[in-house]
Amino acid sequence: MHIAESIQLAPYTTLKVGGPARYLVTVGKTEDIEPVRTLIMSTASPVLVLGHGSNVLIPDTGYGGIVVRNQIMGRQYKKDADDAILATFGAGEDWDACVADSVARGYWGLENLSHIPGTVGATPIQNVGAYGVEVSQLIVSVAAVSLTTGETKTFTTVGCQFAYRDSYFKTDAGRNWLITHVTYRLSRSDKAAVLSYADLQTFAATHTHVTAADIRQEIIRIRSAKFPNWQAVGTAGSFFKNPVVAPTTLAPLLRQHPDLPHYPQLDSSVKVSLGWILDHVCGLRGYTDGEVSLSPHQALVLINRGGSAAKIVDFVQHVTTVVHDHTGITIEPEVRLL
């Protein structure tokens, strides 16, 4: 375990903003967690667990508590019943590196989630999803340690309380748990391929046989065209959630905009494409205010070229207001605003 004081957090986030942390603690193994708990209790400090900082907006004033950088590593694969492979990754592992590793081994399941920034530990928190797949469909269990009591617990998918871009770990109680490892159920069969998403249908129609590696490369191609390089500019990928609305909210929108992409959910609600709304209804694709903008390629993506956290917040509030004025829908960020 390594402890530093008054460290600027901007270099540790993909939005490239954030003032100093009171303490920045790096955890490299599960044995480091108990000393962290001792520091938490002795200083009575709030805690923020940070992976690659790809889903958080830290204020310019910083964070007046303990920031824990989770760098618990490790990759393990084990054969399970039928055609399954249980893949267990340390929470600090780079997510895309683990996807690439599983695909290179010929395992199916994670390929649609390629080229997403962040760590393994973030995937159950956010219920990361893309191109027709959510990690909640693949996760078997999540191992975590309570920063409050020191209890070690293995969460099942039921205990994770997964929902669209949501989980138990985003609740006040859930944030007290530091995730150490995540186990996913993968397959050795191409029957696991998911090619139903609109962006993949042309690819599927022109390829009679595909491998997980083929799908990964196609996902990387698509995402590279839509999303900026998070190592070159400040971005958190898709900044906003796609709204999930009631049919009564959707009906007048469809009368005005019959081409609006929408996806019925199991609970009778409907998920609608915010990217389409920002582009075709609000005219905000590529909208720029100073150093902050929405991508000209994908309107859900916020780009920061040197703006402050306060500037980003003002920008987000403006976009939220415009969407509400045009649709009556109040949108929510995927990114956690501290």
Protein backbone atom coordinates (compact mmCIF):
# COMPACT_ATOMS: atom_id res chain seq x y z
CA MET A 1 0.00 0.00 0.00
CA HIS A 2 1.22 3.49 -0.87
CA ILE A 3 -0.14 6.70 0.68
CA ALA A 4 0.33 10.21 -0.75
CA GLU A 5 -1.14 13.52 0.35
CA SER A 6 -2.52 16.52 -1.58
CA ILE A 7 -2.18 14.85 -5.00
CA GLN A 8 -3.94 16.45 -7.96
CA LEU A 9 -6.52 14.02 -9.31
CA ALA A 10 -6.83 15.35 -12.87
CA PRO A 11 -4.11 12.99 -14.20
CA TYR A 12 -6.06 10.06 -12.74
CA THR A 13 -9.31 10.74 -14.65
CA THR A 14 -10.11 10.47 -18.34
CA LEU A 15 -11.93 13.82 -18.27
CA LYS A 16 -8.58 15.27 -17.13
CA VAL A 17 -10.08 17.46 -14.38
CA GLY A 18 -10.08 17.31 -10.60
CA GLY A 19 -8.32 19.06 -7.74
CA PRO A 20 -6.28 17.50 -4.92
CA ALA A 21 -7.20 14.53 -2.77
CA ARG A 22 -6.53 14.75 0.96
CA TYR A 23 -5.02 11.27 0.67
CA LEU A 24 -4.37 9.11 -2.39
CA VAL A 25 -3.95 5.46 -1.42
CA THR A 26 -2.92 2.75 -3.89
CA VAL A 27 -4.12 -0.77 -3.11
CA GLY A 28 -2.30 -3.55 -4.95
CA LYS A 29 -3.54 -6.62 -3.08
CA THR A 30 -6.38 -7.60 -0.78
CA GLU A 31 -4.05 -7.53 2.23
CA ASP A 32 -3.71 -3.75 1.72
CA ILE A 33 -7.37 -3.16 2.48
CA GLU A 34 -7.18 -3.50 6.28
CA PRO A 35 -4.52 -0.73 6.60
CA VAL A 36 -6.76 1.43 4.39
CA ARG A 37 -9.65 0.78 6.76
CA THR A 38 -7.43 1.84 9.66
CA LEU A 39 -6.65 5.12 7.88
CA ILE A 40 -10.33 5.68 7.14
CA MET A 41 -11.33 5.15 10.75
CA SER A 42 -8.50 7.21 12.21
CA THR A 43 -9.18 10.21 9.99
CA ALA A 44 -12.99 9.85 9.82
CA SER A 45 -12.69 10.55 6.10
CA PRO A 46 -15.10 9.89 3.24
CA VAL A 47 -13.81 7.45 0.62
CA LEU A 48 -13.78 7.41 -3.17
CA VAL A 49 -12.65 4.24 -4.93
CA LEU A 50 -10.99 4.98 -8.26
CA GLY A 51 -9.98 2.69 -11.09
CA HIS A 52 -8.97 4.45 -14.30
CA GLY A 53 -11.23 7.42 -13.48
CA SER A 54 -13.24 6.96 -16.67
CA ASN A 55 -16.67 7.42 -15.10
CA VAL A 56 -16.26 10.22 -12.58
CA LEU A 57 -16.18 14.02 -12.59
CA ILE A 58 -14.12 15.33 -9.66
CA PRO A 59 -14.56 19.01 -8.68
CA ASP A 60 -11.83 21.58 -9.24
CA THR A 61 -11.63 21.91 -5.46
CA GLY A 62 -10.69 18.24 -5.22
CA TYR A 63 -11.84 15.56 -2.83
CA GLY A 64 -11.52 16.16 0.91
CA GLY A 65 -11.19 12.52 1.81
CA ILE A 66 -9.37 9.33 0.89
CA VAL A 67 -9.15 8.30 -2.76
CA VAL A 68 -8.38 4.60 -3.09
CA ARG A 69 -6.79 3.55 -6.38
CA ASN A 70 -7.77 -0.06 -6.89
CA GLN A 71 -4.90 -1.88 -8.60
CA ILE A 72 -5.65 -5.47 -7.55
CA MET A 73 -4.52 -7.59 -10.49
CA GLY A 74 -4.79 -11.16 -11.70
CA ARG A 75 -6.43 -13.26 -14.42
CA GLN A 76 -7.61 -16.83 -14.00
CA TYR A 77 -9.62 -19.11 -16.31
CA LYS A 78 -11.35 -22.29 -15.18
CA LYS A 79 -13.47 -24.79 -17.10
CA ASP A 80 -17.04 -25.06 -15.93
CA ALA A 81 -19.94 -27.32 -16.89
CA ASP A 82 -20.93 -27.76 -20.53
CA ASP A 83 -19.05 -25.34 -22.76
CA ALA A 84 -18.47 -22.64 -20.16
CA ILE A 85 -15.33 -20.93 -18.95
CA LEU A 86 -15.23 -19.04 -15.67
CA ALA A 87 -12.93 -16.05 -16.04
CA THR A 88 -11.92 -14.28 -12.82
CA PHE A 89 -10.13 -10.94 -13.13
CA GLY A 90 -8.67 -8.64 -10.49
CA ALA A 91 -10.64 -5.43 -10.12
CA GLY A 92 -7.62 -3.28 -11.03
CA GLU A 93 -7.03 -5.01 -14.36
CA ASP A 94 -7.52 -2.94 -17.50
CA TRP A 95 -10.91 -3.96 -18.88
CA ASP A 96 -10.06 -3.95 -22.57
CA ALA A 97 -6.85 -5.89 -21.95
CA CYS A 98 -8.94 -8.62 -20.29
CA VAL A 99 -11.40 -8.62 -23.18
CA ALA A 100 -8.50 -8.95 -25.63
CA ASP A 101 -6.99 -11.78 -23.57
CA SER A 102 -10.25 -13.76 -23.42
CA VAL A 103 -10.84 -13.33 -27.15
CA ALA A 104 -7.26 -14.38 -27.97
CA ARG A 105 -7.92 -17.60 -26.06
CA GLY A 106 -10.96 -18.29 -28.25
CA TYR A 107 -13.55 -17.56 -25.56
CA TRP A 108 -16.86 -15.89 -26.41
CA GLY A 109 -18.87 -13.38 -24.40
CA LEU A 110 -16.86 -10.20 -23.88
CA GLU A 111 -16.09 -9.31 -27.51
CA ASN A 112 -19.01 -6.84 -27.85
CA LEU A 113 -17.63 -4.95 -24.86
CA SER A 114 -14.30 -4.23 -26.55
CA HIS A 115 -12.54 -0.85 -26.53
CA ILE A 116 -14.27 0.49 -23.42
CA PRO A 117 -12.03 2.47 -21.05
CA GLY A 118 -11.85 1.57 -17.39
CA THR A 119 -11.05 -1.29 -15.06
CA VAL A 120 -12.67 -4.64 -14.37
CA GLY A 121 -13.94 -3.40 -11.01
CA ALA A 122 -16.00 -0.70 -12.69
CA THR A 123 -17.94 -3.10 -14.89
CA PRO A 124 -20.38 -4.43 -12.25
CA ILE A 125 -20.74 -1.00 -10.65
CA GLN A 126 -21.92 0.54 -13.89
CA ASN A 127 -23.38 -2.63 -15.41
CA VAL A 128 -21.32 -1.76 -18.46
CA GLY A 129 -23.01 -2.50 -21.75
CA ALA A 130 -22.56 -2.00 -25.48
CA TYR A 131 -23.74 -3.43 -28.79
CA GLY A 132 -26.43 -5.69 -27.35
CA VAL A 133 -24.49 -7.03 -24.33
CA GLU A 134 -24.42 -6.03 -20.66
CA VAL A 135 -21.94 -7.47 -18.16
CA SER A 136 -24.85 -8.47 -15.91
CA GLN A 137 -25.60 -11.18 -18.50
CA LEU A 138 -22.09 -12.59 -18.00
CA ILE A 139 -21.19 -11.94 -14.37
CA VAL A 140 -21.34 -14.94 -12.05
CA SER A 141 -20.12 -13.25 -8.88
CA VAL A 142 -18.40 -10.17 -7.48
CA ALA A 143 -15.95 -10.49 -4.58
CA ALA A 144 -15.66 -7.43 -2.34
CA VAL A 145 -14.49 -6.24 1.08
CA SER A 146 -16.46 -3.85 3.25
CA LEU A 147 -14.49 -0.71 4.00
CA THR A 148 -16.73 -0.23 7.03
CA THR A 149 -16.53 -3.62 8.76
CA GLY A 150 -13.78 -5.52 6.95
CA GLU A 151 -16.26 -8.27 5.99
CA THR A 152 -15.43 -10.25 2.85
CA LYS A 153 -18.43 -11.13 0.71
CA THR A 154 -19.17 -12.74 -2.64
CA PHE A 155 -22.15 -11.08 -4.32
CA THR A 156 -24.32 -13.12 -6.67
CA THR A 157 -26.04 -11.44 -9.60
CA VAL A 158 -29.18 -11.11 -7.47
CA GLY A 159 -27.20 -9.37 -4.75
CA CYS A 160 -25.68 -7.01 -7.31
CA GLN A 161 -29.20 -5.67 -8.07
CA PHE A 162 -28.32 -4.97 -11.69
CA ALA A 163 -30.38 -2.52 -13.74
CA TYR A 164 -29.67 -0.37 -16.78
CA ARG A 165 -26.29 1.28 -16.03
CA ASP A 166 -26.96 0.67 -12.37
CA SER A 167 -26.22 -1.75 -9.53
CA TYR A 168 -26.18 -2.12 -5.76
CA PHE A 169 -22.62 -0.75 -5.80
CA LYS A 170 -23.92 2.70 -6.82
CA THR A 171 -26.09 2.97 -3.70
CA ASP A 172 -24.87 4.62 -0.51
CA ALA A 173 -24.51 1.21 1.14
CA GLY A 174 -22.91 -0.33 -1.93
CA ARG A 175 -20.19 2.31 -2.12
CA ASN A 176 -18.82 0.97 1.18
CA TRP A 177 -17.63 -2.17 -0.64
CA LEU A 178 -14.30 -2.32 -2.42
CA ILE A 179 -14.52 -4.83 -5.28
CA THR A 180 -11.50 -7.14 -5.45
CA HIS A 181 -12.39 -9.67 -8.19
CA VAL A 182 -15.13 -10.28 -10.74
CA THR A 183 -16.00 -13.66 -12.28
CA TYR A 184 -17.64 -13.90 -15.72
CA ARG A 185 -19.11 -16.94 -17.46
CA LEU A 186 -17.76 -17.17 -21.00
CA SER A 187 -18.26 -19.77 -23.71
CA ARG A 188 -16.10 -21.79 -26.06
CA SER A 189 -18.92 -21.84 -28.61
CA ASP A 190 -19.81 -19.29 -31.29
CA LYS A 191 -23.45 -19.77 -30.24
CA ALA A 192 -22.67 -17.00 -27.76
CA ALA A 193 -22.22 -14.47 -30.58
CA VAL A 194 -24.50 -11.40 -30.35
CA LEU A 195 -24.89 -9.64 -33.70
CA SER A 196 -28.41 -8.24 -33.41
CA TYR A 197 -27.39 -4.66 -32.61
CA ALA A 198 -28.09 -2.26 -35.49
CA ASP A 199 -24.45 -1.29 -36.01
CA LEU A 200 -23.49 -4.97 -36.39
CA GLN A 201 -26.25 -6.14 -38.72
CA THR A 202 -24.45 -5.13 -41.92
CA PHE A 203 -21.32 -6.83 -40.67
CA ALA A 204 -23.29 -9.98 -39.85
CA ALA A 205 -25.01 -9.98 -43.23
CA THR A 206 -21.72 -9.84 -45.13
CA HIS A 207 -19.85 -12.45 -43.09
CA THR A 208 -20.97 -16.06 -43.22
CA HIS A 209 -18.65 -17.13 -40.42
CA VAL A 210 -17.14 -14.89 -37.77
CA THR A 211 -14.89 -15.43 -34.78
CA ALA A 212 -14.93 -13.54 -31.50
CA ALA A 213 -11.76 -11.83 -32.75
CA ASP A 214 -13.61 -10.68 -35.90
CA ILE A 215 -16.38 -9.16 -33.81
CA ARG A 216 -13.87 -7.49 -31.51
CA GLN A 217 -12.10 -5.88 -34.44
CA GLU A 218 -15.40 -4.67 -35.87
CA ILE A 219 -16.40 -3.19 -32.51
CA ILE A 220 -13.04 -1.44 -32.26
CA ARG A 221 -13.51 -0.05 -35.79
CA ILE A 222 -17.00 1.24 -34.97
CA ARG A 223 -16.04 2.73 -31.62
CA SER A 224 -12.87 4.34 -33.02
CA ALA A 225 -15.00 6.15 -35.59
CA LYS A 226 -17.50 7.37 -32.98
CA PHE A 227 -15.44 7.96 -29.85
CA PRO A 228 -12.39 10.18 -29.33
CA ASN A 229 -9.10 8.82 -28.07
CA TRP A 230 -9.43 9.14 -24.27
CA GLN A 231 -5.64 9.28 -23.99
CA ALA A 232 -5.47 12.39 -26.19
CA VAL A 233 -8.49 14.44 -25.06
CA GLY A 234 -10.64 14.57 -21.98
CA THR A 235 -13.65 12.29 -22.30
CA ALA A 236 -15.61 9.70 -20.36
CA GLY A 237 -17.10 8.00 -23.41
CA SER A 238 -20.90 8.18 -23.39
CA PHE A 239 -21.57 10.86 -20.79
CA PHE A 240 -25.36 10.41 -20.56
CA LYS A 241 -27.67 7.45 -20.08
CA ASN A 242 -30.25 6.58 -22.71
CA PRO A 243 -33.55 7.55 -21.03
CA VAL A 244 -35.98 4.82 -20.01
CA VAL A 245 -39.49 6.26 -20.19
CA ALA A 246 -43.13 5.25 -19.86
CA PRO A 247 -45.11 4.47 -23.05
CA THR A 248 -47.25 7.54 -22.34
CA THR A 249 -44.12 9.70 -22.52
CA LEU A 250 -42.92 8.02 -25.69
CA ALA A 251 -46.21 8.25 -27.64
CA PRO A 252 -46.22 12.02 -28.31
CA LEU A 253 -42.51 11.90 -29.17
CA LEU A 254 -43.14 9.20 -31.79
CA ARG A 255 -45.97 11.23 -33.30
CA GLN A 256 -43.53 14.09 -33.82
CA HIS A 257 -40.49 11.93 -34.59
CA PRO A 258 -41.59 8.53 -35.94
CA ASP A 259 -37.98 7.50 -36.70
CA LEU A 260 -36.87 7.80 -33.05
CA PRO A 261 -35.12 4.51 -32.15
CA HIS A 262 -36.75 2.93 -29.13
CA TYR A 263 -36.44 -0.42 -27.36
CA PRO A 264 -39.20 -1.98 -25.21
CA GLN A 265 -38.04 -3.22 -21.80
CA LEU A 266 -39.29 -6.19 -19.78
CA ASP A 267 -41.15 -3.95 -17.31
CA SER A 268 -43.20 -2.27 -20.10
CA SER A 269 -41.03 0.86 -20.07
CA VAL A 270 -39.16 1.90 -23.20
CA LYS A 271 -35.51 2.87 -23.66
CA VAL A 272 -35.01 5.62 -26.25
CA SER A 273 -31.89 6.70 -28.08
CA LEU A 274 -30.59 9.90 -26.49
CA GLY A 275 -27.92 10.20 -29.16
CA TRP A 276 -30.67 10.39 -31.79
CA ILE A 277 -32.61 12.95 -29.73
CA LEU A 278 -29.54 15.13 -29.21
CA ASP A 279 -28.83 14.99 -32.93
CA HIS A 280 -32.23 15.05 -34.68
CA VAL A 281 -34.51 16.70 -32.11
CA CYS A 282 -32.21 19.13 -30.27
CA GLY A 283 -29.56 19.80 -32.94
CA LEU A 284 -26.78 19.36 -30.36
CA ARG A 285 -24.46 16.93 -32.13
CA GLY A 286 -21.12 18.75 -32.25
CA TYR A 287 -22.40 21.54 -29.99
CA THR A 288 -19.45 23.45 -28.52
CA ASP A 289 -19.12 25.93 -25.69
CA GLY A 290 -15.53 26.97 -25.19
CA GLU A 291 -13.35 24.00 -24.38
CA VAL A 292 -16.28 21.57 -23.91
CA SER A 293 -18.31 19.98 -26.69
CA LEU A 294 -20.45 17.07 -27.77
CA SER A 295 -18.76 14.90 -30.34
CA PRO A 296 -19.63 15.57 -34.00
CA HIS A 297 -19.58 11.79 -34.50
CA GLN A 298 -21.65 10.63 -31.50
CA ALA A 299 -23.71 13.18 -29.60
CA LEU A 300 -23.70 11.16 -26.36
CA VAL A 301 -19.97 11.71 -26.04
CA LEU A 302 -18.69 14.77 -24.16
CA ILE A 303 -15.22 16.03 -25.05
CA ASN A 304 -13.15 18.28 -22.81
CA ARG A 305 -10.20 20.14 -24.31
CA GLY A 306 -8.92 21.93 -21.24
CA GLY A 307 -12.10 23.09 -19.53
CA SER A 308 -12.55 22.99 -15.77
CA ALA A 309 -14.88 20.66 -13.90
CA ALA A 310 -17.16 23.63 -13.24
CA LYS A 311 -17.28 24.35 -16.97
CA ILE A 312 -18.26 20.74 -17.68
CA VAL A 313 -21.03 20.90 -15.08
CA ASP A 314 -22.44 24.09 -16.64
CA PHE A 315 -22.29 22.48 -20.08
CA VAL A 316 -24.10 19.36 -18.86
CA GLN A 317 -26.81 21.44 -17.20
CA HIS A 318 -27.36 23.32 -20.46
CA VAL A 319 -27.68 20.10 -22.47
CA THR A 320 -30.07 18.68 -19.85
CA THR A 321 -32.25 21.79 -20.07
CA VAL A 322 -32.37 21.75 -23.87
CA VAL A 323 -33.39 18.08 -23.95
CA HIS A 324 -36.12 18.68 -21.36
CA ASP A 325 -37.43 21.71 -23.24
CA HIS A 326 -37.68 19.71 -26.47
CA THR A 327 -38.95 16.39 -25.12
CA GLY A 328 -40.10 16.72 -21.50
CA ILE A 329 -37.50 14.09 -20.56
CA THR A 330 -35.01 14.72 -17.76
CA ILE A 331 -31.79 12.97 -18.73
CA GLU A 332 -29.20 11.60 -16.34
CA PRO A 333 -25.41 11.32 -16.64
CA GLU A 334 -23.69 7.96 -16.72
CA VAL A 335 -20.73 9.72 -15.16
CA ARG A 336 -20.74 10.18 -11.40
CA LEU A 337 -20.67 13.88 -10.53
CA LEU A 338 -19.06 14.37 -7.12
